[in-house]
C-alpha atoms as a PDB file:
ATOM      1  CA  MET A   1     -10.694  -5.071   1.180  1.00  0.00           C
ATOM      2  CA  ASN A   2      -8.517  -7.953   2.582  1.00  0.00           C
ATOM      3  CA  ILE A   3      -7.798 -10.045  -0.454  1.00  0.00           C
ATOM      4  CA  SER A   4      -6.526  -6.368  -1.876  1.00  0.00           C
ATOM      5  CA  LEU A   5      -4.385  -6.198   1.199  1.00  0.00           C
ATOM      6  CA  GLY A   6      -3.489 -10.027   0.661  1.00  0.00           C
ATOM      7  CA  LEU A   7      -2.210  -9.241  -3.000  1.00  0.00           C
ATOM      8  CA  THR A   8      -0.081  -5.750  -1.955  1.00  0.00           C
ATOM      9  CA  LEU A   9       1.780  -7.692   0.398  1.00  0.00           C
ATOM     10  CA  VAL A  10       1.535 -11.323  -1.704  1.00  0.00           C
ATOM     11  CA  PHE A  11       3.478  -8.346  -4.485  1.00  0.00           C
ATOM     12  CA  LEU A  12       5.702  -6.548  -2.103  1.00  0.00           C
ATOM     13  CA  SER A  13       7.525 -10.388  -1.037  1.00  0.00           C
ATOM     14  CA  MET A  14       7.595 -11.290  -5.006  1.00  0.00           C
ATOM     15  CA  ILE A  15       9.541  -7.696  -5.574  1.00  0.00           C
ATOM     16  CA  LEU A  16      11.639  -8.395  -2.502  1.00  0.00           C
ATOM     17  CA  GLY A  17      12.833 -11.205  -4.153  1.00  0.00           C
ATOM     18  CA  THR A  18      13.078 -10.264  -7.703  1.00  0.00           C
ATOM     19  CA  LEU A  19      15.432  -7.769  -6.431  1.00  0.00           C
ATOM     20  CA  PHE A  20      16.925 -10.010  -4.219  1.00  0.00           C
ATOM     21  CA  LEU A  21      17.991 -11.647  -7.368  1.00  0.00           C
ATOM     22  CA  ILE A  22      19.363  -8.862  -9.155  1.00  0.00           C
ATOM     23  CA  ASN A  23      21.862  -8.553  -6.359  1.00  0.00           C
ATOM     24  CA  SER A  24      22.638 -11.478  -5.975  1.00  0.00           C
ATOM     25  CA  VAL A  25      23.004 -13.292  -9.198  1.00  0.00           C
ATOM     26  CA  GLY A  26      25.454 -12.663 -12.077  1.00  0.00           C
ATOM     27  CA  ILE A  27      23.823 -14.226 -14.911  1.00  0.00           C
ATOM     28  CA  PRO A  28      22.905 -11.652 -17.196  1.00  0.00           C
ATOM     29  CA  SER A  29      19.776 -13.729 -19.082  1.00  0.00           C
ATOM     30  CA  ILE A  30      17.911 -14.220 -15.546  1.00  0.00           C
ATOM     31  CA  VAL A  31      19.127 -10.742 -14.418  1.00  0.00           C
ATOM     32  CA  ASP A  32      17.211  -9.353 -17.529  1.00  0.00           C
ATOM     33  CA  ARG A  33      14.050 -11.126 -16.801  1.00  0.00           C
ATOM     34  CA  ALA A  34      13.901 -10.397 -12.748  1.00  0.00           C
ATOM     35  CA  ARG A  35      14.075  -6.491 -14.220  1.00  0.00           C
ATOM     36  CA  ASN A  36      10.985  -7.091 -16.651  1.00  0.00           C
ATOM     37  CA  LEU A  37       9.310  -9.014 -14.402  1.00  0.00           C
ATOM     38  CA  LEU A  38       9.902  -6.416 -11.666  1.00  0.00           C
ATOM     39  CA  LYS A  39       8.287  -4.089 -13.599  1.00  0.00           C
ATOM     40  CA  LYS A  40       5.025  -5.553 -13.742  1.00  0.00           C
ATOM     41  CA  LEU A  41       5.158  -6.620 -10.342  1.00  0.00           C
ATOM     42  CA  LEU A  42       5.402  -2.656  -9.848  1.00  0.00           C
ATOM     43  CA  ILE A  43       2.466  -2.222 -11.338  1.00  0.00           C
ATOM     44  CA  LEU A  44       0.167  -4.801  -9.796  1.00  0.00           C
ATOM     45  CA  LEU A  45       1.403  -3.617  -6.421  1.00  0.00           C
ATOM     46  CA  VAL A  46       0.284   0.064  -7.366  1.00  0.00           C
ATOM     47  CA  ILE A  47      -2.712  -1.304  -8.777  1.00  0.00           C
ATOM     48  CA  SER A  48      -3.650  -3.464  -5.472  1.00  0.00           C
ATOM     49  CA  LEU A  49      -2.486  -0.496  -2.984  1.00  0.00           C
ATOM     50  CA  ALA A  50      -4.652   1.216  -4.304  1.00  0.00           C
ATOM     51  CA  VAL A  51      -7.696  -0.309  -4.202  1.00  0.00           C
ATOM     52  CA  PHE A  52      -7.137  -1.219  -0.547  1.00  0.00           C
ATOM     53  CA  LEU A  53      -6.244   2.188   0.008  1.00  0.00           C
ATOM     54  CA  PHE A  54      -9.740   3.536  -1.423  1.00  0.00           C
ATOM     55  CA  LYS A  55     -11.339   1.001   0.396  1.00  0.00           C
ATOM     56  CA  LEU A  56      -9.783   2.384   3.772  1.00  0.00           C
ATOM     57  CA  LEU A  57     -10.719   5.792   3.124  1.00  0.00           C
ATOM     58  CA  THR A  58     -14.055   5.191   2.244  1.00  0.00           C
ATOM     59  CA  ILE A  59     -15.092   3.278   4.881  1.00  0.00           C
ATOM     60  CA  SER A  60     -17.376   4.201   7.896  1.00  0.00           C
ATOM     61  CA  GLY A  61     -15.849   4.162  11.438  1.00  0.00           C
ATOM     62  CA  PHE A  62     -16.855   4.565  15.055  1.00  0.00           C
ATOM     63  CA  ALA A  63     -16.876   8.270  16.532  1.00  0.00           C
ATOM     64  CA  TYR A  64     -18.335   9.702  19.593  1.00  0.00           C
ATOM     65  CA  ASP A  65     -20.112  13.102  20.603  1.00  0.00           C
ATOM     66  CA  GLN A  66     -19.965  15.527  23.417  1.00  0.00           C
ATOM     67  CA  THR A  67     -22.323  13.267  25.094  1.00  0.00           C
ATOM     68  CA  GLY A  68     -20.593  10.208  25.072  1.00  0.00           C
ATOM     69  CA  LYS A  69     -23.201   8.201  22.395  1.00  0.00           C
ATOM     70  CA  ILE A  70     -21.366   6.377  19.547  1.00  0.00           C
ATOM     71  CA  PHE A  71     -22.421   6.150  16.130  1.00  0.00           C
ATOM     72  CA  MET A  72     -21.078   5.459  12.689  1.00  0.00           C
ATOM     73  CA  GLU A  73     -19.294   8.512  10.962  1.00  0.00           C
ATOM     74  CA  PRO A  74     -18.668   8.344   7.309  1.00  0.00           C
ATOM     75  CA  TYR A  75     -15.362   8.534   5.820  1.00  0.00           C
ATOM     76  CA  LYS A  76     -14.024   8.204   9.316  1.00  0.00           C
ATOM     77  CA  TYR A  77     -10.428   6.736   8.631  1.00  0.00           C
ATOM     78  CA  LEU A  78     -10.128  10.149   6.255  1.00  0.00           C
ATOM     79  CA  LYS A  79     -11.066  12.149   8.429  1.00  0.00           C
ATOM     80  CA  ASN A  80      -8.812  11.265  10.933  1.00  0.00           C
ATOM     81  CA  LEU A  81      -5.659  11.045   7.801  1.00  0.00           C
ATOM     82  CA  LEU A  82      -6.102  14.554   7.071  1.00  0.00           C
ATOM     83  CA  SER A  83      -6.645  15.856  10.879  1.00  0.00           C
ATOM     84  CA  MET A  84      -3.142  14.194  11.402  1.00  0.00           C
ATOM     85  CA  TRP A  85      -1.505  15.582   8.908  1.00  0.00           C
ATOM     86  CA  TYR A  86       2.177  15.021   9.965  1.00  0.00           C
ATOM     87  CA  VAL A  87       0.784  11.011   9.598  1.00  0.00           C
ATOM     88  CA  LEU A  88      -0.060  11.644   6.248  1.00  0.00           C
ATOM     89  CA  VAL A  89       2.764  12.808   4.863  1.00  0.00           C
ATOM     90  CA  LEU A  90       4.849  10.365   6.548  1.00  0.00           C
ATOM     91  CA  PHE A  91       2.750   7.061   4.507  1.00  0.00           C
ATOM     92  CA  LEU A  92       3.068   9.683   1.296  1.00  0.00           C
ATOM     93  CA  LEU A  93       6.582   9.648   1.780  1.00  0.00           C
ATOM     94  CA  GLY A  94       6.793   5.783   2.560  1.00  0.00           C
ATOM     95  CA  VAL A  95       4.194   4.633  -0.616  1.00  0.00           C
ATOM     96  CA  ILE A  96       7.151   7.165  -2.838  1.00  0.00           C
ATOM     97  CA  MET A  97      10.125   5.521  -1.069  1.00  0.00           C
ATOM     98  CA  ILE A  98       8.428   1.998  -2.425  1.00  0.00           C
ATOM     99  CA  VAL A  99       7.172   2.907  -5.934  1.00  0.00           C
ATOM    100  CA  VAL A 100      10.864   4.663  -6.441  1.00  0.00           C
END
């Protein structure tokens, strides 16, 4: 899980650097190469982010019942995200804004 999150952050950083090159360099050959690299990096970013989110949303988390007993609840993070729909909407908007 840590590796997939690390790769996601690396790909985001590389995308930021590539966008900087596209916007600041006026040499057409470099801009074309950067645009081609950007497409590949975006695909890698989506894959690594999907792996991280799948792992995050399927692991168990700590919960407690009415008596105060702590136990491991399966799919705890997925249940939390679904119960707070507004956080889910903001998260999905953020992911869409990164990809588009």
